[in-house]
Amino acid sequence: MSISELFHIGMAYLKGGLIIGVLFILLFFAGYYVVYRKLCKGEKKLPFMKLLWWGVLIAYLVVVIGVTLLLRGGYYGYENAVIQPLFYSYRDAWVHWSAAAWRNIIFNFCMFVPLGFWLPIGLKSFRRFWKTYLAGFGFTLLIEILQLVTRRGIFELDDVLGNTVGTMIGYGIFVLGEFLWLAVSQRKVQGGHVPVRDVLTAQIPLALTVLGFAVIFGTYERQALGNNPNGYVEVLDKNLITMSGRNDFDRTEPSLPVYQVPTLSVQEAKEKGEEIFENLDTRIDESRTIVYDNTLVLYSDPSRYSLWISYQGGGYELTDFQVLYPAAGEVGETVTGTEKETIRNALFKMGASVPETAEFAEVQPGKYRFTADMMEEQGIKINGTLTCDYYGEFGLGSVRNGMVSCVPYKDFPAISEQEAYEKIADGEFSYLPGSAIAVSVESCEIKYSIDSKGFYQPNYCFTCAVNGEDGEIWIPALK
């Protein structure tokens, strides 16, 4: 989820929270003047500032509940209720190095900072740190339990940790603000000024949080290569894994080449989109452009085409809505048995070049695929697949270009095929946890994938049957 989407969602729930907060204040006013003052003849003055404090707190709670519970649909990833172990989301964000995942983690800290700051402002009892800490922990625990029970999410211990620490940070900000206010106004609290030691102690959660993220991001920046997305997040229970088929692979530890692939900026991706649309005799509809962390989404003007361009590698997916969804009376059907050159020419018209020696196949009726297996052209390696749907005279309905052009970077030491196989047996691969897995291995070959820094890293790709279904298991090859 992008920052702009988070902002719009937060603003939507903030409006609702403000409405509920204002209604609370109005109802309180009505009760005060009608019931208390007129009917009960009460004389106590209305604590307006306290009332305002409660209104803001209610608005905040509505926003938090809306974002954490109401925003989510049912969670269908698992059949049973799930409790994610501590630091699972951190490992997942690290393996895939997802900006969205890291943003969500940091957002969990930030979301509860206002609670830790606001509680001690309005309620003196919460100026004891442990009460505020406990309130933050209890509130996030309640939210996670409700998510688990209602299946509007999963119980994540990382959320409990992040929200609680966020509350602690908010309390530290309150203590610092109180200290500065008392120093400037030269006021005193009972027992004297707020001790500097207490102020500094209250900042420990913030300092440790900043240090922790600095270590994570600093470690990543110092890496020569990016993170391989085929790494495992959680070690599977090897007692649930049954291995069969081939089990004797090469034990040699080779040095394997790593390549560099094009990494596009948002502007470069846009220029590539303009070029593709120009070949299609159209232009970009600027009002509908969407910038994601890893992808740029473009639409043509008029709205005939959509184009998704990946920054890493420059791969893209083009959809022609006019071909796929023709007007009434113009029913288009894919054309089978089309020759390779015909498809290549159709691709060439839109600016997509395919190596002449690329393997060509009709994988489904009217759906064609070109495959390049590290083919070399003028010192550049081309790897990957391009698939398209061909509708004859109507043209191409969709094109998914996953071919990558890469240049040699450096050789790195790698584990052996046998060691990679043993990682499967030990549960060190990406698969849904908690399920029995029967793996029948057939063969192994080297395949490449783009890492988080735009390098093309080698993997051992094991062709196998997993629980009776044909599939592949990828194990990162580099040590």
Protein backbone atom coordinates (compact mmCIF):
# COMPACT_ATOMS: atom_id res chain seq x y z
CA MET A 1 0.00 0.00 0.00
CA SER A 2 1.46 3.34 -1.05
CA ILE A 3 1.92 6.36 1.24
CA SER A 4 -0.82 8.26 -0.61
CA GLU A 5 -3.23 5.35 -0.14
CA LEU A 6 -2.44 5.19 3.58
CA PHE A 7 -2.99 8.94 3.80
CA HIS A 8 -6.37 8.80 2.04
CA ILE A 9 -7.51 5.87 4.18
CA GLY A 10 -6.41 7.63 7.35
CA MET A 11 -8.18 10.83 6.30
CA ALA A 12 -11.37 8.90 5.53
CA TYR A 13 -11.47 7.36 9.01
CA LEU A 14 -10.35 10.64 10.58
CA LYS A 15 -13.45 12.32 9.17
CA GLY A 16 -15.60 9.62 10.72
CA GLY A 17 -13.70 9.88 13.99
CA LEU A 18 -14.15 13.65 14.10
CA ILE A 19 -17.86 13.29 13.46
CA ILE A 20 -18.21 10.80 16.31
CA GLY A 21 -16.04 12.96 18.55
CA VAL A 22 -18.16 16.04 17.84
CA LEU A 23 -21.36 14.05 18.44
CA PHE A 24 -19.95 12.93 21.79
CA ILE A 25 -19.24 16.55 22.77
CA LEU A 26 -22.72 17.67 21.66
CA LEU A 27 -24.40 14.88 23.59
CA PHE A 28 -22.36 15.74 26.65
CA PHE A 29 -23.34 19.40 26.29
CA ALA A 30 -27.00 18.41 25.98
CA GLY A 31 -26.78 16.17 29.03
CA TYR A 32 -25.00 18.87 30.99
CA TYR A 33 -27.39 21.72 30.27
CA VAL A 34 -30.68 19.81 30.04
CA VAL A 35 -30.25 17.07 32.61
CA TYR A 36 -27.63 18.33 35.03
CA ARG A 37 -28.21 22.12 35.08
CA LYS A 38 -31.98 22.35 34.51
CA LEU A 39 -33.43 19.13 35.84
CA CYS A 40 -30.91 18.35 38.58
CA LYS A 41 -30.10 22.00 39.39
CA GLY A 42 -26.38 21.25 39.32
CA GLU A 43 -23.90 24.08 39.73
CA LYS A 44 -20.56 22.57 38.78
CA LYS A 45 -18.96 24.21 35.77
CA LEU A 46 -18.53 22.27 32.57
CA PRO A 47 -14.91 21.07 32.20
CA PHE A 48 -14.62 22.15 28.57
CA MET A 49 -10.94 21.26 28.14
CA LYS A 50 -11.51 17.81 29.60
CA LEU A 51 -14.47 17.38 27.30
CA LEU A 52 -12.37 18.41 24.32
CA TRP A 53 -9.68 15.94 25.39
CA TRP A 54 -12.22 13.10 25.43
CA GLY A 55 -13.53 14.12 22.00
CA VAL A 56 -10.04 13.98 20.49
CA LEU A 57 -9.34 10.63 22.17
CA ILE A 58 -12.57 9.14 20.81
CA ALA A 59 -11.77 10.41 17.30
CA TYR A 60 -8.30 8.84 17.53
CA LEU A 61 -9.69 5.49 18.73
CA VAL A 62 -12.19 5.45 15.85
CA VAL A 63 -9.35 5.95 13.36
CA VAL A 64 -7.25 3.15 14.89
CA ILE A 65 -10.15 0.70 15.03
CA GLY A 66 -11.17 1.60 11.50
CA VAL A 67 -7.69 1.05 10.06
CA THR A 68 -6.97 -2.15 11.98
CA LEU A 69 -10.38 -3.85 11.89
CA LEU A 70 -12.95 -2.26 9.59
CA LEU A 71 -10.55 -1.72 6.68
CA ARG A 72 -9.69 -5.39 6.35
CA GLY A 73 -11.76 -8.14 4.83
CA GLY A 74 -11.68 -11.75 5.98
CA TYR A 75 -8.27 -13.39 5.96
CA TYR A 76 -8.33 -16.39 3.67
CA GLY A 77 -4.64 -17.27 3.51
CA TYR A 78 -5.01 -19.99 6.15
CA GLU A 79 -7.79 -22.39 7.00
CA ASN A 80 -7.27 -22.02 10.75
CA ALA A 81 -6.61 -19.09 13.02
CA VAL A 82 -3.01 -17.94 12.77
CA ILE A 83 -0.63 -16.38 15.25
CA GLN A 84 2.45 -15.06 13.50
CA PRO A 85 5.67 -15.49 15.51
CA LEU A 86 7.69 -12.55 16.74
CA PHE A 87 9.81 -10.78 14.08
CA TYR A 88 8.11 -12.69 11.22
CA SER A 89 7.12 -9.47 9.44
CA TYR A 90 10.69 -8.15 9.81
CA ARG A 91 12.14 -11.29 8.21
CA ASP A 92 9.58 -11.13 5.42
CA ALA A 93 10.32 -7.45 4.76
CA TRP A 94 14.05 -8.24 4.76
CA VAL A 95 13.89 -11.21 2.36
CA HIS A 96 11.73 -9.38 -0.18
CA TRP A 97 13.06 -5.94 0.80
CA SER A 98 9.61 -4.49 0.32
CA ALA A 99 9.22 -0.77 0.86
CA ALA A 100 5.51 -1.36 1.54
CA ALA A 101 6.31 -3.98 4.20
CA TRP A 102 8.83 -1.74 5.97
CA ARG A 103 6.39 1.14 5.75
CA ASN A 104 3.68 -0.94 7.44
CA ILE A 105 6.09 -1.95 10.21
CA ILE A 106 7.08 1.67 10.87
CA PHE A 107 3.42 2.70 10.62
CA ASN A 108 2.60 0.31 13.48
CA PHE A 109 5.02 2.27 15.68
CA CYS A 110 3.71 5.67 14.59
CA MET A 111 0.03 4.74 14.93
CA PHE A 112 0.24 4.36 18.72
CA VAL A 113 2.54 7.34 19.42
CA PRO A 114 -0.51 9.66 19.84
CA LEU A 115 -1.98 7.31 22.46
CA GLY A 116 1.17 7.41 24.60
CA PHE A 117 1.30 11.19 24.26
CA TRP A 118 -2.40 11.96 24.79
CA LEU A 119 -3.28 9.75 27.78
CA PRO A 120 -0.97 11.47 30.31
CA ILE A 121 -2.08 14.90 29.07
CA GLY A 122 -5.70 14.31 30.07
CA LEU A 123 -5.45 11.78 32.91
CA LYS A 124 -2.93 12.37 35.67
CA SER A 125 -2.89 8.69 36.64
CA PHE A 126 -1.31 7.90 33.26
CA ARG A 127 1.67 10.10 34.09
CA ARG A 128 3.07 7.00 35.70
CA PHE A 129 4.87 5.42 32.80
CA TRP A 130 3.85 1.84 33.52
CA LYS A 131 0.15 2.70 33.32
CA THR A 132 0.53 4.29 29.90
CA TYR A 133 2.69 1.39 28.70
CA LEU A 134 0.11 -1.08 29.98
CA ALA A 135 -2.73 0.82 28.28
CA GLY A 136 -0.93 0.68 24.94
CA PHE A 137 -0.18 -3.02 25.35
CA GLY A 138 -3.75 -3.83 26.39
CA PHE A 139 -5.31 -1.87 23.51
CA THR A 140 -3.15 -3.48 20.83
CA LEU A 141 -3.66 -6.92 22.40
CA LEU A 142 -7.42 -6.38 22.22
CA ILE A 143 -7.18 -5.38 18.55
CA GLU A 144 -5.10 -8.46 17.65
CA ILE A 145 -7.50 -10.77 19.50
CA LEU A 146 -10.47 -9.24 17.67
CA GLN A 147 -8.66 -9.66 14.35
CA LEU A 148 -8.05 -13.32 15.17
CA VAL A 149 -11.60 -14.01 16.36
CA THR A 150 -13.36 -12.13 13.54
CA ARG A 151 -10.81 -13.34 10.94
CA ARG A 152 -10.28 -9.78 9.78
CA GLY A 153 -6.56 -10.33 9.88
CA ILE A 154 -4.16 -12.51 11.84
CA PHE A 155 -2.67 -12.20 15.31
CA GLU A 156 0.76 -10.66 14.75
CA LEU A 157 3.11 -10.45 17.70
CA ASP A 158 5.07 -7.87 15.70
CA ASP A 159 2.03 -5.58 15.77
CA VAL A 160 1.80 -5.95 19.55
CA LEU A 161 5.49 -5.11 19.84
CA GLY A 162 5.38 -2.17 17.44
CA ASN A 163 2.20 -0.65 18.88
CA THR A 164 3.43 -0.99 22.46
CA VAL A 165 6.79 0.57 21.67
CA GLY A 166 4.96 3.33 19.79
CA THR A 167 2.97 4.05 22.96
CA MET A 168 6.24 4.18 24.91
CA ILE A 169 7.70 6.62 22.40
CA GLY A 170 4.59 8.80 22.69
CA TYR A 171 4.94 8.85 26.46
CA GLY A 172 8.58 9.87 26.09
CA ILE A 173 7.52 12.79 23.90
CA PHE A 174 5.02 13.84 26.58
CA VAL A 175 7.67 13.75 29.29
CA LEU A 176 10.07 15.78 27.15
CA GLY A 177 7.35 18.29 26.30
CA GLU A 178 6.37 18.61 29.96
CA PHE A 179 9.99 19.17 30.94
CA LEU A 180 10.48 21.90 28.33
CA TRP A 181 7.18 23.58 29.20
CA LEU A 182 8.01 23.68 32.89
CA ALA A 183 11.50 24.97 32.14
CA VAL A 184 10.24 27.76 29.89
CA SER A 185 7.35 28.77 32.15
CA GLN A 186 9.50 28.28 35.28
CA ARG A 187 6.72 26.33 36.88
CA LYS A 188 7.22 23.47 39.29
CA VAL A 189 5.46 20.20 39.82
CA GLN A 190 4.96 18.54 43.14
CA GLY A 191 8.41 17.57 44.41
CA GLY A 192 10.29 20.04 42.17
CA HIS A 193 11.19 20.07 38.48
CA VAL A 194 10.91 16.93 36.38
CA PRO A 195 14.28 15.17 36.88
CA VAL A 196 16.49 15.18 33.78
CA ARG A 197 17.20 11.51 34.45
CA ASP A 198 13.49 10.69 34.07
CA VAL A 199 13.33 12.65 30.83
CA LEU A 200 16.32 10.82 29.37
CA THR A 201 15.05 7.44 30.56
CA ALA A 202 11.72 8.04 28.82
CA GLN A 203 13.56 8.54 25.50
CA ILE A 204 15.16 5.06 25.59
CA PRO A 205 12.35 3.41 23.52
CA LEU A 206 12.76 6.03 20.78
CA ALA A 207 16.56 5.75 20.82
CA LEU A 208 16.50 1.95 20.60
CA THR A 209 13.91 2.05 17.79
CA VAL A 210 15.93 4.51 15.73
CA LEU A 211 19.11 2.51 16.37
CA GLY A 212 17.44 -0.75 15.40
CA PHE A 213 16.17 0.55 12.07
CA ALA A 214 19.50 2.29 11.42
CA VAL A 215 21.30 -1.05 11.85
CA ILE A 216 18.84 -2.83 9.53
CA PHE A 217 18.97 -0.26 6.73
CA GLY A 218 22.70 0.36 7.18
CA THR A 219 23.44 -3.38 6.90
CA TYR A 220 21.40 -3.56 3.72
CA GLU A 221 23.15 -0.58 2.16
CA ARG A 222 26.58 -2.11 2.85
CA GLN A 223 25.70 -5.35 1.07
CA ALA A 224 27.34 -5.86 -2.29
CA LEU A 225 24.16 -7.45 -3.65
CA GLY A 226 20.48 -7.10 -2.89
CA ASN A 227 18.29 -9.64 -1.12
CA ASN A 228 17.22 -12.68 -3.12
CA PRO A 229 13.39 -12.88 -3.09
CA ASN A 230 13.54 -16.69 -3.15
CA GLY A 231 14.90 -16.90 0.37
CA TYR A 232 12.75 -18.46 3.08
CA VAL A 233 11.07 -16.40 5.78
CA GLU A 234 10.34 -19.15 8.28
CA VAL A 235 11.98 -22.57 8.58
CA LEU A 236 9.39 -25.27 7.99
CA ASP A 237 9.00 -28.25 10.31
CA LYS A 238 11.17 -30.87 8.61
CA ASN A 239 9.18 -33.60 10.32
CA LEU A 240 6.29 -32.63 8.02
CA ILE A 241 8.46 -32.94 4.88
CA THR A 242 8.68 -36.25 3.01
CA MET A 243 11.41 -36.43 0.37
CA SER A 244 11.47 -38.88 -2.55
CA GLY A 245 12.79 -39.11 -6.07
CA ARG A 246 16.33 -38.13 -6.93
CA ASN A 247 18.53 -37.34 -3.91
CA ASP A 248 22.12 -37.44 -5.18
CA PHE A 249 23.30 -34.19 -6.71
CA ASP A 250 26.63 -32.57 -7.54
CA ARG A 251 28.61 -31.77 -4.38
CA THR A 252 30.97 -29.30 -6.07
CA GLU A 253 30.80 -25.74 -4.74
CA PRO A 254 31.11 -23.59 -7.88
CA SER A 255 31.58 -19.89 -8.50
CA LEU A 256 28.53 -18.56 -10.33
CA PRO A 257 28.19 -15.32 -12.28
CA VAL A 258 25.94 -12.50 -11.14
CA TYR A 259 24.58 -10.02 -13.68
CA GLN A 260 23.21 -6.50 -13.60
CA VAL A 261 19.84 -5.63 -15.07
CA PRO A 262 18.42 -2.20 -15.96
CA THR A 263 16.95 -0.35 -13.00
CA LEU A 264 14.55 2.37 -14.10
CA SER A 265 13.65 5.52 -12.26
CA VAL A 266 10.03 6.64 -12.32
CA GLN A 267 10.86 9.12 -15.06
CA GLU A 268 12.71 6.49 -17.13
CA ALA A 269 9.79 4.09 -16.75
CA LYS A 270 7.45 6.84 -17.89
CA GLU A 271 9.64 7.54 -20.93
CA LYS A 272 9.57 3.84 -21.78
CA GLY A 273 5.78 3.91 -21.51
CA GLU A 274 5.59 6.96 -23.77
CA GLU A 275 7.67 5.11 -26.37
CA ILE A 276 5.42 2.03 -26.24
CA PHE A 277 2.27 4.16 -26.50
CA GLU A 278 3.77 6.15 -29.36
CA ASN A 279 4.29 2.90 -31.30
CA LEU A 280 0.61 2.19 -30.66
CA ASP A 281 -0.33 5.67 -31.96
CA THR A 282 -1.60 6.93 -28.62
CA ARG A 283 -0.36 8.87 -25.60
CA ILE A 284 -0.38 8.77 -21.80
CA ASP A 285 -3.40 9.94 -19.84
CA GLU A 286 -1.45 11.85 -17.17
CA SER A 287 -4.46 12.08 -14.85
CA ARG A 288 -4.55 8.31 -14.35
CA THR A 289 -0.85 7.62 -13.77
CA ILE A 290 -0.18 5.62 -10.58
CA VAL A 291 3.28 5.42 -9.00
CA TYR A 292 3.87 2.33 -6.85
CA ASP A 293 7.03 1.29 -5.03
CA ASN A 294 8.06 -1.24 -7.70
CA THR A 295 5.77 -0.47 -10.61
CA LEU A 296 4.51 2.42 -12.70
CA VAL A 297 0.93 2.13 -14.01
CA LEU A 298 0.02 4.08 -17.13
CA TYR A 299 -3.20 4.41 -19.13
CA SER A 300 -3.60 5.67 -22.64
CA ASP A 301 -5.76 8.56 -23.78
CA PRO A 302 -8.35 7.47 -24.89
CA SER A 303 -8.57 4.61 -22.38
CA ARG A 304 -7.76 1.71 -24.67
CA TYR A 305 -4.51 0.47 -23.11
CA SER A 306 -3.12 -0.10 -19.65
CA LEU A 307 0.62 -0.55 -19.11
CA TRP A 308 2.36 -1.78 -15.95
CA ILE A 309 6.13 -1.25 -16.01
CA SER A 310 8.49 -2.76 -13.43
CA TYR A 311 11.41 -0.58 -12.35
CA GLN A 312 13.67 -3.60 -11.84
CA GLY A 313 14.50 -5.05 -15.23
CA GLY A 314 12.01 -2.94 -17.18
CA GLY A 315 9.54 -5.77 -17.73
CA TYR A 316 5.96 -4.77 -18.46
CA GLU A 317 2.40 -5.96 -18.98
CA LEU A 318 0.30 -4.33 -21.70
CA THR A 319 -3.46 -4.81 -22.02
CA ASP A 320 -5.56 -3.79 -25.01
CA PHE A 321 -9.11 -3.49 -23.67
CA GLN A 322 -10.55 -2.91 -27.13
CA VAL A 323 -9.27 -6.29 -28.29
CA LEU A 324 -10.08 -8.21 -25.13
CA TYR A 325 -13.49 -6.60 -24.62
CA PRO A 326 -14.75 -5.60 -28.08
CA ALA A 327 -17.98 -3.75 -28.74
CA ALA A 328 -21.19 -5.67 -29.37
CA GLY A 329 -21.09 -7.51 -32.67
CA GLU A 330 -17.28 -7.59 -32.79
CA VAL A 331 -16.54 -10.75 -30.86
CA GLY A 332 -12.82 -11.44 -31.03
CA GLU A 333 -11.30 -14.89 -30.61
CA THR A 334 -7.69 -15.92 -30.23
CA VAL A 335 -6.13 -17.41 -33.34
CA THR A 336 -4.43 -20.77 -33.01
CA GLY A 337 -1.60 -22.20 -35.07
CA THR A 338 -0.01 -18.84 -35.85
CA GLU A 339 3.57 -18.88 -37.08
CA LYS A 340 6.46 -17.48 -35.08
CA GLU A 341 7.28 -14.64 -37.48
CA THR A 342 3.70 -13.41 -37.50
CA ILE A 343 3.72 -13.04 -33.74
CA ARG A 344 7.19 -11.45 -33.80
CA ASN A 345 5.99 -8.89 -36.35
CA ALA A 346 2.94 -8.06 -34.24
CA LEU A 347 5.22 -7.50 -31.26
CA PHE A 348 7.67 -5.46 -33.31
CA LYS A 349 4.89 -3.01 -34.25
CA MET A 350 4.52 -2.08 -30.61
CA GLY A 351 8.27 -1.85 -30.07
CA ALA A 352 8.89 -5.24 -28.44
CA SER A 353 11.90 -7.09 -29.83
CA VAL A 354 12.34 -10.83 -29.35
CA PRO A 355 15.60 -12.69 -30.10
CA GLU A 356 15.32 -14.62 -33.34
CA THR A 357 16.66 -17.75 -31.66
CA ALA A 358 14.19 -17.58 -28.75
CA GLU A 359 12.21 -20.76 -28.24
CA PHE A 360 8.63 -20.38 -29.50
CA ALA A 361 5.59 -22.31 -28.38
CA GLU A 362 1.80 -22.08 -28.27
CA VAL A 363 1.17 -22.82 -24.60
CA GLN A 364 -2.63 -22.48 -24.83
CA PRO A 365 -4.98 -21.95 -27.78
CA GLY A 366 -4.08 -18.51 -29.08
CA LYS A 367 -1.56 -17.84 -26.28
CA TYR A 368 2.07 -17.78 -27.41
CA ARG A 369 5.33 -17.74 -25.50
CA PHE A 370 8.90 -16.83 -26.38
CA THR A 371 11.61 -18.15 -24.07
CA ALA A 372 15.20 -16.93 -23.93
CA ASP A 373 17.58 -18.95 -21.76
CA MET A 374 20.56 -16.63 -21.15
CA MET A 375 20.92 -16.01 -24.88
CA GLU A 376 23.79 -13.71 -25.82
CA GLU A 377 23.38 -10.84 -28.27
CA GLN A 378 26.20 -8.31 -28.71
CA GLY A 379 27.65 -9.06 -25.27
CA ILE A 380 24.29 -8.83 -23.49
CA LYS A 381 22.52 -11.80 -21.97
CA ILE A 382 18.78 -12.06 -22.54
CA ASN A 383 16.75 -14.24 -20.24
CA GLY A 384 13.10 -14.82 -19.40
CA THR A 385 9.79 -15.21 -21.20
CA LEU A 386 7.37 -13.11 -23.18
CA THR A 387 3.76 -14.27 -23.52
CA CYS A 388 0.97 -12.77 -25.57
CA ASP A 389 -2.59 -13.42 -26.74
CA TYR A 390 -3.06 -13.12 -30.49
CA TYR A 391 -6.43 -12.19 -31.99
CA GLY A 392 -5.48 -12.15 -35.67
CA GLU A 393 -6.53 -8.98 -37.46
CA PHE A 394 -7.53 -7.43 -34.13
CA GLY A 395 -3.94 -7.65 -32.90
CA LEU A 396 -2.54 -8.57 -29.50
CA GLY A 397 -4.93 -8.59 -26.57
CA SER A 398 -2.25 -8.66 -23.91
CA VAL A 399 1.54 -8.83 -23.72
CA ARG A 400 3.53 -9.86 -20.64
CA ASN A 401 7.18 -9.14 -21.32
CA GLY A 402 9.37 -10.69 -18.66
CA MET A 403 12.54 -10.83 -20.76
CA VAL A 404 15.52 -9.27 -19.03
CA SER A 405 18.66 -7.86 -20.62
CA CYS A 406 21.66 -8.23 -18.33
CA VAL A 407 25.41 -7.67 -18.38
CA PRO A 408 28.06 -9.60 -16.40
CA TYR A 409 28.92 -8.15 -12.99
CA LYS A 410 31.02 -10.55 -10.93
CA ASP A 411 31.40 -14.21 -9.94
CA PHE A 412 30.46 -15.22 -6.40
CA PRO A 413 31.02 -18.47 -4.45
CA ALA A 414 27.96 -20.69 -4.34
CA ILE A 415 26.73 -23.68 -2.39
CA SER A 416 26.57 -27.08 -4.10
CA GLU A 417 23.49 -28.64 -5.67
CA GLN A 418 23.50 -31.26 -2.91
CA GLU A 419 23.57 -28.61 -0.20
CA ALA A 420 20.65 -26.84 -1.87
CA TYR A 421 18.76 -30.16 -1.94
CA GLU A 422 19.44 -30.64 1.77
CA LYS A 423 17.98 -27.21 2.46
CA ILE A 424 14.69 -28.48 1.03
CA ALA A 425 14.82 -31.51 3.32
CA ASP A 426 15.53 -29.19 6.28
CA GLY A 427 12.56 -26.95 5.44
CA GLU A 428 14.67 -23.96 4.38
CA PHE A 429 12.54 -22.90 1.43
CA SER A 430 9.50 -20.75 0.80
CA TYR A 431 6.23 -22.62 1.33
CA LEU A 432 3.04 -22.26 3.35
CA PRO A 433 3.94 -23.32 6.92
CA GLY A 434 2.03 -25.81 9.01
CA SER A 435 1.19 -28.22 6.19
CA ALA A 436 2.48 -31.70 5.41
CA ILE A 437 4.64 -31.56 2.27
CA ALA A 438 5.54 -34.48 0.02
CA VAL A 439 8.37 -33.52 -2.35
CA SER A 440 9.43 -35.76 -5.21
CA VAL A 441 12.53 -34.27 -6.84
CA GLU A 442 13.22 -34.88 -10.51
CA SER A 443 16.04 -32.56 -11.62
CA CYS A 444 17.98 -29.38 -10.83
CA GLU A 445 19.15 -26.47 -12.96
CA ILE A 446 20.38 -22.90 -12.54
CA LYS A 447 17.79 -20.14 -13.00
CA TYR A 448 18.12 -16.43 -12.32
CA SER A 449 15.98 -13.91 -10.49
CA ILE A 450 16.26 -10.17 -9.89
CA ASP A 451 17.26 -9.19 -6.37
CA SER A 452 16.26 -6.03 -4.50
CA LYS A 453 19.21 -4.00 -5.85
CA GLY A 454 18.79 -4.87 -9.49
CA PHE A 455 21.27 -7.74 -9.69
CA TYR A 456 20.47 -11.00 -11.41
CA GLN A 457 21.24 -13.75 -8.91
CA PRO A 458 21.51 -17.51 -9.57
CA ASN A 459 19.20 -20.03 -7.91
CA TYR A 460 19.04 -23.80 -7.89
CA CYS A 461 15.67 -24.58 -9.41
CA PHE A 462 14.46 -28.08 -8.49
CA THR A 463 11.80 -29.48 -10.77
CA CYS A 464 9.61 -31.63 -8.57
CA ALA A 465 6.14 -32.75 -7.63
CA VAL A 466 4.87 -31.08 -4.47
CA ASN A 467 1.95 -32.92 -2.89
CA GLY A 468 1.33 -34.60 -6.24
CA GLU A 469 1.32 -31.40 -8.32
CA ASP A 470 4.09 -30.42 -10.73
CA GLY A 471 6.08 -27.46 -9.52
CA GLU A 472 9.45 -25.92 -8.76
CA ILE A 473 11.35 -25.09 -5.60
CA TRP A 474 13.95 -22.33 -5.84
CA ILE A 475 16.91 -22.20 -3.48
CA PRO A 476 19.27 -19.16 -3.61
CA ALA A 477 22.63 -20.44 -4.85
CA LEU A 478 25.05 -17.88 -3.43
CA LYS A 479 26.68 -18.42 -0.07
